């Protein structure tokens, strides 16, 4: 059997909307969002010249006010921000919670809300503003509403950010249950989920997760999807996280629960989170930042897309796009694309090709997906850590004369045509393709 083997007659479903981003496009990046067909963007750590946007405390600045009074809300900046997103054509995953970075006094927003049900009612009014026209609002039909972000960030000693929910685990469980239940009762047509944990398979955080599921079993709540974060530098780490989440959900009868990966990033995970808190290693951090913007990072992103497509993941969002820090690895400060962007843009070629097709890849360090039909097919390949060599390639179910086009993203190319060749197929198209590590390819075949 060929190392990359596609069956053009076996449709396996849809190509999922996985090449999503976080936050809003800028003036010069809007056209690239549209070129990539960004399907969803997650609003968290959102920035519009100021941080006074998206967060619950930004929209409802004084918690002592009446949550039923339209005058208690300030939607001006968030309205503008969301309109910028909608110009791109992307849908929205709206994070209901708070931004912690760069805040002068984080304790005001990391402490639990004074009243969980009131907080839920405030969030329901935010939903109604954007979906039901409440308070001079809109009818955007925003589907996904995510509660909080990384409440487990300070459980293991590996993170520069300590405590995004300053309370014991049981208190977070109660907050999530009461708030989600309130939102769902008042807005039954939207999907309410969360809770966006960090490296959820780490021992302490996994215990937090198991406790969360146990608590939900015993209390009214809404849990229409589970969101989580995936910063990693290997396929094994992604697979392990998905397996651990799947095992826990299955034990609670939630094996079909949709998963949203609301932050994805390429990151050296060998104690690098702790390194970020130090002040004597700027050269090492600079090496990390350069690697986060490299062809290797792009190939990791493509690898992640392949893994997510073959899992319960429904939406994925790559972090981030609107505030120039070390995490802005998709675009330069001027707004031109970096290498990782092109991996997401090339994924659109797969989504545009049609239905997902059966695709298997047996080569170490190489990952592949396919979509289309016998007339026109696209195969998306991440050559992340494999050996540079020729790989056997086969598409079953093809007969006739075909034009093959190979597009590449590597150290010198950005979704550019590498090679074109004419091939004949008699029940199957068979050939070889040369693949280099730290590269992404799209192989397109079209009946002539």
Protein backbone atom coordinates (compact mmCIF):
# COMPACT_ATOMS: atom_id res chain seq x y z
CA UNK A 1 0.00 0.00 0.00
CA UNK A 2 1.20 3.52 -0.78
CA UNK A 3 2.46 5.58 2.14
CA UNK A 4 -0.08 8.31 1.31
CA UNK A 5 -3.23 6.51 0.18
CA UNK A 6 -6.53 8.18 -0.77
CA UNK A 7 -9.82 6.57 -1.81
CA UNK A 8 -11.72 9.07 -3.97
CA UNK A 9 -14.86 6.93 -3.82
CA UNK A 10 -15.15 6.84 -0.03
CA UNK A 11 -16.58 10.07 1.42
CA UNK A 12 -15.99 10.29 5.17
CA UNK A 13 -17.83 13.53 5.99
CA UNK A 14 -17.10 17.23 5.75
CA UNK A 15 -13.79 19.05 5.95
CA UNK A 16 -14.28 20.77 9.29
CA UNK A 17 -13.89 24.55 9.87
CA UNK A 18 -10.54 24.13 11.59
CA UNK A 19 -8.38 26.93 10.15
CA UNK A 20 -9.79 29.53 12.52
CA UNK A 21 -8.00 32.39 14.26
CA UNK A 22 -8.36 34.48 17.41
CA UNK A 23 -9.70 38.05 17.64
CA UNK A 24 -10.18 40.54 14.81
CA UNK A 25 -8.35 41.32 11.57
CA UNK A 26 -6.40 44.53 11.23
CA UNK A 27 -6.66 46.92 8.30
CA UNK A 28 -3.86 45.23 6.37
CA UNK A 29 -4.62 41.65 7.39
CA UNK A 30 -8.32 41.63 6.43
CA UNK A 31 -7.59 40.52 2.87
CA UNK A 32 -5.51 37.59 4.15
CA UNK A 33 -8.31 36.48 6.45
CA UNK A 34 -10.62 36.49 3.45
CA UNK A 35 -8.05 34.67 1.30
CA UNK A 36 -7.80 31.91 3.93
CA UNK A 37 -11.58 31.77 4.35
CA UNK A 38 -11.23 31.98 8.13
CA UNK A 39 -14.33 30.11 9.37
CA UNK A 40 -14.34 31.14 13.04
CA UNK A 41 -12.50 33.52 15.30
CA UNK A 42 -12.45 33.30 19.07
CA UNK A 43 -12.75 36.58 20.97
CA UNK A 44 -10.43 36.56 23.99
CA UNK A 45 -7.59 38.91 24.97
CA UNK A 46 -9.24 41.15 22.40
CA UNK A 47 -7.58 44.47 21.69
CA UNK A 48 -8.83 47.60 19.93
CA UNK A 49 -6.27 50.20 20.98
CA UNK A 50 -7.53 49.58 24.53
CA UNK A 51 -8.56 46.45 26.41
CA UNK A 52 -12.06 47.82 26.99
CA UNK A 53 -13.67 45.40 24.55
CA UNK A 54 -15.49 42.00 24.59
CA UNK A 55 -14.87 41.27 28.29
CA UNK A 56 -17.90 41.12 30.60
CA UNK A 57 -16.39 43.91 32.72
CA UNK A 58 -15.96 46.02 29.58
CA UNK A 59 -19.57 45.59 28.49
CA UNK A 60 -20.97 45.81 32.04
CA UNK A 61 -18.48 48.06 33.88
CA UNK A 62 -20.28 48.41 37.24
CA UNK A 63 -21.42 45.08 38.66
CA UNK A 64 -23.59 46.83 41.23
CA UNK A 65 -25.87 48.22 38.51
CA UNK A 66 -29.20 46.72 37.44
CA UNK A 67 -28.46 44.04 34.82
CA UNK A 68 -31.91 44.49 33.30
CA UNK A 69 -31.37 48.21 32.61
CA UNK A 70 -29.98 48.85 29.11
CA UNK A 71 -28.19 51.93 30.47
CA UNK A 72 -25.94 49.68 32.58
CA UNK A 73 -24.22 48.35 29.45
CA UNK A 74 -21.51 49.81 27.22
CA UNK A 75 -21.51 48.01 23.87
CA UNK A 76 -19.87 50.75 21.77
CA UNK A 77 -16.33 49.36 21.49
CA UNK A 78 -17.39 45.72 21.31
CA UNK A 79 -19.94 46.49 18.58
CA UNK A 80 -17.16 48.07 16.55
CA UNK A 81 -14.81 45.16 17.20
CA UNK A 82 -17.33 42.53 16.14
CA UNK A 83 -18.19 44.48 13.00
CA UNK A 84 -14.51 44.27 12.04
CA UNK A 85 -14.65 40.51 12.48
CA UNK A 86 -17.78 40.14 10.39
CA UNK A 87 -16.13 42.02 7.49
CA UNK A 88 -13.82 39.02 7.18
CA UNK A 89 -16.70 36.57 6.81
CA UNK A 90 -15.70 34.63 9.93
CA UNK A 91 -18.11 33.32 12.54
CA UNK A 92 -17.50 34.04 16.21
CA UNK A 93 -16.71 32.06 19.34
CA UNK A 94 -17.45 34.65 22.05
CA UNK A 95 -15.54 34.14 25.27
CA UNK A 96 -17.59 35.32 28.27
CA UNK A 97 -14.98 36.26 30.84
CA UNK A 98 -12.00 38.55 31.26
CA UNK A 99 -8.68 39.50 29.72
CA UNK A 100 -5.86 39.36 32.27
CA UNK A 101 -2.78 40.46 30.33
CA UNK A 102 -1.54 44.02 30.77
CA UNK A 103 -4.17 44.88 33.37
CA UNK A 104 -2.98 47.22 36.15
CA UNK A 105 -4.95 45.39 38.85
CA UNK A 106 -5.82 41.84 37.81
CA UNK A 107 -7.40 40.99 41.16
CA UNK A 108 -10.52 42.94 40.19
CA UNK A 109 -11.22 40.59 37.30
CA UNK A 110 -9.76 37.28 38.49
CA UNK A 111 -11.87 37.22 41.65
CA UNK A 112 -15.13 35.28 41.30
CA UNK A 113 -18.15 37.43 40.42
CA UNK A 114 -20.09 38.53 43.49
CA UNK A 115 -23.25 36.79 42.23
CA UNK A 116 -23.00 33.91 39.77
CA UNK A 117 -26.60 33.99 38.58
CA UNK A 118 -26.44 37.75 38.05
CA UNK A 119 -23.24 37.26 36.04
CA UNK A 120 -25.14 34.72 33.95
CA UNK A 121 -28.00 37.17 33.41
CA UNK A 122 -25.52 39.83 32.29
CA UNK A 123 -24.05 37.35 29.80
CA UNK A 124 -27.54 36.48 28.58
CA UNK A 125 -28.13 40.16 27.83
CA UNK A 126 -24.87 40.21 25.86
CA UNK A 127 -26.14 37.22 23.88
CA UNK A 128 -29.47 38.95 23.31
CA UNK A 129 -27.74 42.16 22.18
CA UNK A 130 -25.86 40.38 19.42
CA UNK A 131 -28.43 37.75 18.48
CA UNK A 132 -31.85 39.18 19.31
CA UNK A 133 -31.49 42.93 18.80
CA UNK A 134 -31.75 43.82 22.50
CA UNK A 135 -30.55 47.31 23.48
CA UNK A 136 -30.22 48.59 19.89
CA UNK A 137 -28.43 45.38 19.03
CA UNK A 138 -28.10 42.96 16.14
CA UNK A 139 -29.19 39.59 14.80
CA UNK A 140 -25.78 38.03 14.14
CA UNK A 141 -26.69 34.51 15.17
CA UNK A 142 -23.47 33.93 17.13
CA UNK A 143 -23.54 30.21 17.89
CA UNK A 144 -20.76 29.49 20.39
CA UNK A 145 -20.59 31.17 23.82
CA UNK A 146 -17.61 30.05 25.91
CA UNK A 147 -17.45 30.59 29.66
CA UNK A 148 -14.14 31.75 31.12
CA UNK A 149 -10.54 31.07 30.20
CA UNK A 150 -7.88 28.91 31.86
CA UNK A 151 -9.19 28.79 35.42
CA UNK A 152 -6.56 26.09 36.03
CA UNK A 153 -3.56 28.21 35.01
CA UNK A 154 -1.97 28.24 38.47
CA UNK A 155 -2.45 24.57 39.36
CA UNK A 156 0.94 23.43 38.04
CA UNK A 157 4.05 25.54 38.45
CA UNK A 158 4.72 26.03 34.76
CA UNK A 159 2.95 29.25 33.83
CA UNK A 160 3.91 32.91 34.00
CA UNK A 161 0.23 33.83 34.48
CA UNK A 162 -0.99 32.90 37.94
CA UNK A 163 -4.64 32.60 38.71
CA UNK A 164 -7.33 33.57 36.23
CA UNK A 165 -10.02 32.54 38.74
CA UNK A 166 -8.86 33.28 42.26
CA UNK A 167 -10.87 30.70 44.16
CA UNK A 168 -10.78 26.96 44.97
CA UNK A 169 -11.72 24.48 42.25
CA UNK A 170 -15.11 23.72 43.82
CA UNK A 171 -15.98 27.39 43.64
CA UNK A 172 -15.20 27.51 39.92
CA UNK A 173 -17.36 24.44 39.38
CA UNK A 174 -20.26 26.16 41.15
CA UNK A 175 -19.71 29.36 39.17
CA UNK A 176 -19.69 27.54 35.84
CA UNK A 177 -22.77 25.44 36.65
CA UNK A 178 -24.90 28.34 37.89
CA UNK A 179 -23.81 30.80 35.20
CA UNK A 180 -24.15 28.35 32.30
CA UNK A 181 -27.55 27.15 33.51
CA UNK A 182 -28.78 30.75 33.74
CA UNK A 183 -27.55 31.66 30.25
CA UNK A 184 -29.06 28.54 28.71
CA UNK A 185 -32.42 29.10 30.37
CA UNK A 186 -32.60 32.66 29.03
CA UNK A 187 -31.00 31.92 25.63
CA UNK A 188 -31.90 28.30 24.79
CA UNK A 189 -30.98 28.54 21.11
CA UNK A 190 -27.24 29.12 21.56
CA UNK A 191 -24.50 26.68 22.50
CA UNK A 192 -22.97 27.33 25.93
CA UNK A 193 -19.71 25.64 26.87
CA UNK A 194 -16.26 26.02 28.31
CA UNK A 195 -14.13 26.06 30.27
CA UNK A 196 -10.95 26.55 28.20
CA UNK A 197 -8.42 24.74 30.42
CA UNK A 198 -4.67 24.91 29.88
CA UNK A 199 -2.74 21.67 29.37
CA UNK A 200 -5.69 19.67 30.67
CA UNK A 201 -3.84 16.34 30.60
CA UNK A 202 -1.21 17.54 33.12
CA UNK A 203 -1.79 15.66 36.39
CA UNK A 204 -3.06 18.53 38.55
CA UNK A 205 -5.16 19.99 35.78
CA UNK A 206 -6.60 16.60 34.86
CA UNK A 207 -7.74 16.19 38.45
CA UNK A 208 -9.39 19.62 38.15
CA UNK A 209 -11.13 18.44 34.96
CA UNK A 210 -12.38 15.22 36.52
CA UNK A 211 -13.72 17.19 39.46
CA UNK A 212 -15.48 19.53 37.05
CA UNK A 213 -17.23 16.64 35.32
CA UNK A 214 -18.23 15.06 38.63
CA UNK A 215 -19.75 18.35 39.80
CA UNK A 216 -21.67 18.82 36.55
CA UNK A 217 -23.19 15.34 36.98
CA UNK A 218 -24.79 16.51 40.20
CA UNK A 219 -25.90 20.07 39.41
CA UNK A 220 -27.97 21.85 36.73
CA UNK A 221 -25.72 23.29 34.06
CA UNK A 222 -25.20 23.75 30.31
CA UNK A 223 -22.28 21.98 28.63
CA UNK A 224 -23.02 22.00 24.89
CA UNK A 225 -19.35 21.83 23.95
CA UNK A 226 -16.01 21.53 25.68
CA UNK A 227 -13.30 24.03 24.85
CA UNK A 228 -9.64 23.50 25.64
CA UNK A 229 -6.22 24.82 24.67
CA UNK A 230 -3.43 23.07 22.81
CA UNK A 231 0.07 24.52 22.89
CA UNK A 232 2.55 21.86 21.87
CA UNK A 233 5.47 20.94 19.63
CA UNK A 234 4.67 17.33 18.80
CA UNK A 235 1.84 15.28 17.35
CA UNK A 236 2.04 12.90 20.32
CA UNK A 237 1.20 15.71 22.73
CA UNK A 238 -1.88 16.66 20.73
CA UNK A 239 -3.03 13.05 20.49
CA UNK A 240 -2.49 12.48 24.23
CA UNK A 241 -4.54 15.55 25.14
CA UNK A 242 -7.39 14.43 22.91
CA UNK A 243 -7.24 10.91 24.30
CA UNK A 244 -7.29 12.04 27.93
CA UNK A 245 -10.20 14.40 27.28
CA UNK A 246 -12.03 11.69 25.37
CA UNK A 247 -11.49 9.12 28.12
CA UNK A 248 -12.90 11.45 30.77
CA UNK A 249 -15.90 12.53 28.71
CA UNK A 250 -16.70 8.92 27.79
CA UNK A 251 -16.78 7.99 31.47
CA UNK A 252 -19.52 10.59 31.94
CA UNK A 253 -21.54 9.61 28.87
CA UNK A 254 -20.28 12.60 26.88
CA UNK A 255 -18.28 10.80 24.20
CA UNK A 256 -20.02 12.67 21.35
CA UNK A 257 -19.62 16.13 22.93
CA UNK A 258 -18.16 18.55 20.33
CA UNK A 259 -14.70 19.88 21.15
CA UNK A 260 -13.50 23.40 20.42
CA UNK A 261 -9.76 24.04 20.53
CA UNK A 262 -10.04 27.76 21.24
CA UNK A 263 -6.28 28.34 21.41
CA UNK A 264 -3.76 26.44 19.33
CA UNK A 265 -0.09 27.37 19.23
CA UNK A 266 3.33 25.96 18.42
CA UNK A 267 5.38 26.18 21.61
CA UNK A 268 8.35 24.41 23.16
CA UNK A 269 6.67 22.77 26.12
CA UNK A 270 9.77 21.53 27.92
CA UNK A 271 9.52 23.89 30.92
CA UNK A 272 9.27 26.92 28.63
CA UNK A 273 6.20 28.29 30.42
CA UNK A 274 8.29 28.70 33.55
CA UNK A 275 11.10 30.23 31.48
CA UNK A 276 8.81 33.05 30.38
CA UNK A 277 8.65 34.31 33.96
CA UNK A 278 12.44 34.73 34.20
CA UNK A 279 14.33 37.95 33.42
CA UNK A 280 17.73 36.45 32.49
CA UNK A 281 17.00 34.41 29.35
CA UNK A 282 15.94 36.87 26.65
CA UNK A 283 18.15 35.18 24.05
CA UNK A 284 16.54 31.80 24.58
CA UNK A 285 13.07 33.34 24.45
CA UNK A 286 14.01 35.10 21.24
CA UNK A 287 14.97 31.73 19.72
CA UNK A 288 11.57 30.41 20.73
CA UNK A 289 9.77 33.38 19.17
CA UNK A 290 11.67 32.97 15.90
CA UNK A 291 10.80 29.26 15.83
CA UNK A 292 7.13 30.06 16.49
CA UNK A 293 7.15 31.96 13.18
CA UNK A 294 9.13 29.42 11.16
CA UNK A 295 8.33 26.80 8.50
CA UNK A 296 8.61 24.22 11.28
CA UNK A 297 5.78 25.96 13.15
CA UNK A 298 3.75 26.06 9.93
CA UNK A 299 4.20 22.30 9.48
CA UNK A 300 3.13 21.76 13.10
CA UNK A 301 -0.04 23.79 12.47
CA UNK A 302 -0.78 21.62 9.43
CA UNK A 303 -0.10 18.50 11.51
CA UNK A 304 -2.58 19.77 14.12
CA UNK A 305 -5.25 20.31 11.46
CA UNK A 306 -4.83 16.72 10.28
CA UNK A 307 -5.17 15.38 13.83
CA UNK A 308 -8.18 17.56 14.63
CA UNK A 309 -10.00 16.54 11.44
CA UNK A 310 -9.87 12.92 12.58
CA UNK A 311 -11.20 13.60 16.08
CA UNK A 312 -14.24 15.11 17.85
CA UNK A 313 -12.85 18.61 17.32
CA UNK A 314 -15.47 20.77 15.61
CA UNK A 315 -13.70 24.17 15.53
CA UNK A 316 -10.07 25.23 16.06
CA UNK A 317 -8.66 28.72 16.62
CA UNK A 318 -4.99 29.58 16.23
CA UNK A 319 -3.77 32.25 18.67
CA UNK A 320 -3.60 35.25 17.83
CA UNK A 321 -3.90 38.15 15.34
CA UNK A 322 -4.61 41.60 16.74
CA UNK A 323 -1.99 42.64 19.29
CA UNK A 324 1.74 42.63 18.57
CA UNK A 325 3.38 40.42 21.18
CA UNK A 326 5.40 37.22 21.01
CA UNK A 327 2.11 35.37 20.43
CA UNK A 328 1.46 37.18 17.15
CA UNK A 329 3.08 34.57 14.90
CA UNK A 330 0.72 34.69 11.90
CA UNK A 331 1.42 38.24 10.72
CA UNK A 332 4.23 40.76 10.99
CA UNK A 333 3.79 44.13 12.68
CA UNK A 334 3.12 45.60 9.23
CA UNK A 335 0.45 43.01 8.48
CA UNK A 336 2.22 40.70 6.04
CA UNK A 337 1.82 36.93 6.52
CA UNK A 338 4.40 34.84 8.28
CA UNK A 339 4.95 31.15 7.48
CA UNK A 340 2.30 29.71 9.85
CA UNK A 341 -0.42 31.75 8.16
CA UNK A 342 0.13 29.95 4.88
CA UNK A 343 -0.51 26.55 6.45
CA UNK A 344 -4.00 27.80 7.38
CA UNK A 345 -4.52 29.44 4.00
CA UNK A 346 -3.58 26.23 2.19
CA UNK A 347 -6.13 24.33 4.27
CA UNK A 348 -8.80 26.34 2.49
CA UNK A 349 -7.87 24.55 -0.73
CA UNK A 350 -8.90 21.34 1.00
CA UNK A 351 -12.16 22.83 2.28
CA UNK A 352 -12.96 24.20 -1.18
CA UNK A 353 -12.34 20.81 -2.82
CA UNK A 354 -15.52 19.29 -1.39
CA UNK A 355 -16.30 16.36 0.88
CA UNK A 356 -13.62 14.74 2.98
CA UNK A 357 -12.26 11.50 1.53
CA UNK A 358 -10.75 8.42 3.13
CA UNK A 359 -7.05 9.12 3.53
CA UNK A 360 -4.32 7.16 5.29
CA UNK A 361 -0.67 8.06 5.82
CA UNK A 362 1.74 5.44 7.16
CA UNK A 363 4.96 7.48 6.97
CA UNK A 364 6.51 8.61 10.25
CA UNK A 365 6.26 12.36 10.84
CA UNK A 366 3.97 12.90 7.83
CA UNK A 367 0.24 13.66 8.05
CA UNK A 368 -2.36 13.89 5.29
CA UNK A 369 -6.00 14.70 4.58
CA UNK A 370 -7.95 14.54 1.33
CA UNK A 371 -11.13 16.01 -0.12
CA UNK A 372 -12.93 16.18 -3.44
CA UNK A 373 -14.09 13.61 -5.97
CA UNK A 374 -12.79 11.48 -8.83
CA UNK A 375 -12.87 14.56 -11.05
CA UNK A 376 -10.98 16.94 -8.81
CA UNK A 377 -9.15 16.05 -5.61
CA UNK A 378 -6.93 17.88 -3.12
CA UNK A 379 -4.56 16.22 -0.66
CA UNK A 380 -3.23 18.34 2.22
CA UNK A 381 0.09 17.11 3.62
CA UNK A 382 2.17 18.13 6.62
CA UNK A 383 5.75 16.91 6.39
CA UNK A 384 6.59 17.87 9.96
CA UNK A 385 9.36 15.57 11.18
CA UNK A 386 9.72 12.93 8.48
CA UNK A 387 12.80 12.17 6.38
CA UNK A 388 13.45 14.14 3.20
CA UNK A 389 12.80 11.60 0.44
CA UNK A 390 10.30 10.39 -2.14
CA UNK A 391 7.06 8.97 -0.74
CA UNK A 392 4.69 6.64 -2.55
CA UNK A 393 1.36 8.31 -3.34
CA UNK A 394 -1.88 6.74 -4.59
CA UNK A 395 -5.48 7.80 -5.19
CA UNK A 396 -7.93 4.95 -5.77
CA UNK A 397 -11.07 5.40 -7.86
CA UNK A 398 -9.49 7.44 -10.66
CA UNK A 399 -9.43 6.54 -14.35
CA UNK A 400 -8.31 8.69 -17.27
CA UNK A 401 -5.83 11.47 -17.89
CA UNK A 402 -5.09 13.74 -14.93
CA UNK A 403 -3.15 16.92 -14.36
CA UNK A 404 -1.31 16.93 -11.02
CA UNK A 405 -0.23 20.17 -9.41
CA UNK A 406 1.96 20.23 -6.29
CA UNK A 407 1.89 23.39 -4.19
CA UNK A 408 4.42 23.94 -1.39
CA UNK A 409 5.02 25.98 1.75
CA UNK A 410 8.61 25.74 2.91
CA UNK A 411 11.54 27.98 3.74
CA UNK A 412 11.41 29.71 0.34
CA UNK A 413 7.80 29.21 -0.88
CA UNK A 414 4.39 30.36 0.34
CA UNK A 415 1.66 28.22 -1.25
CA UNK A 416 3.45 28.29 -4.59
CA UNK A 417 3.39 25.79 -7.43
CA UNK A 418 6.38 23.50 -7.05
CA UNK A 419 5.67 21.09 -9.89
CA UNK A 420 3.05 20.09 -12.47
CA UNK A 421 2.86 16.76 -14.23
CA UNK A 422 0.47 14.77 -16.43
CA UNK A 423 -0.46 11.26 -15.27
CA UNK A 424 -2.69 8.43 -16.43
CA UNK A 425 -4.87 6.42 -14.08
CA UNK A 426 -6.48 3.03 -14.62
CA UNK A 427 -8.57 2.57 -11.48
CA UNK A 428 -5.90 4.30 -9.42
CA UNK A 429 -3.41 7.12 -9.83
CA UNK A 430 0.03 6.05 -8.62
CA UNK A 431 3.18 8.12 -8.36
CA UNK A 432 5.86 9.37 -5.96
CA UNK A 433 6.24 12.80 -4.38
CA UNK A 434 9.36 14.29 -2.83
CA UNK A 435 8.63 15.81 0.60
CA UNK A 436 10.99 17.82 2.79
CA UNK A 437 10.63 18.17 6.57
CA UNK A 438 9.16 21.41 7.94
CA UNK A 439 7.00 21.82 4.83
CA UNK A 440 3.34 21.78 3.87
CA UNK A 441 2.00 20.56 0.52
CA UNK A 442 -1.27 20.49 -1.35
CA UNK A 443 -1.42 17.98 -4.19
CA UNK A 444 -4.27 18.67 -6.59
CA UNK A 445 -5.42 16.27 -9.28
CA UNK A 446 -7.90 17.25 -12.00
CA UNK A 447 -9.45 15.12 -14.75
CA UNK A 448 -8.48 16.45 -18.19
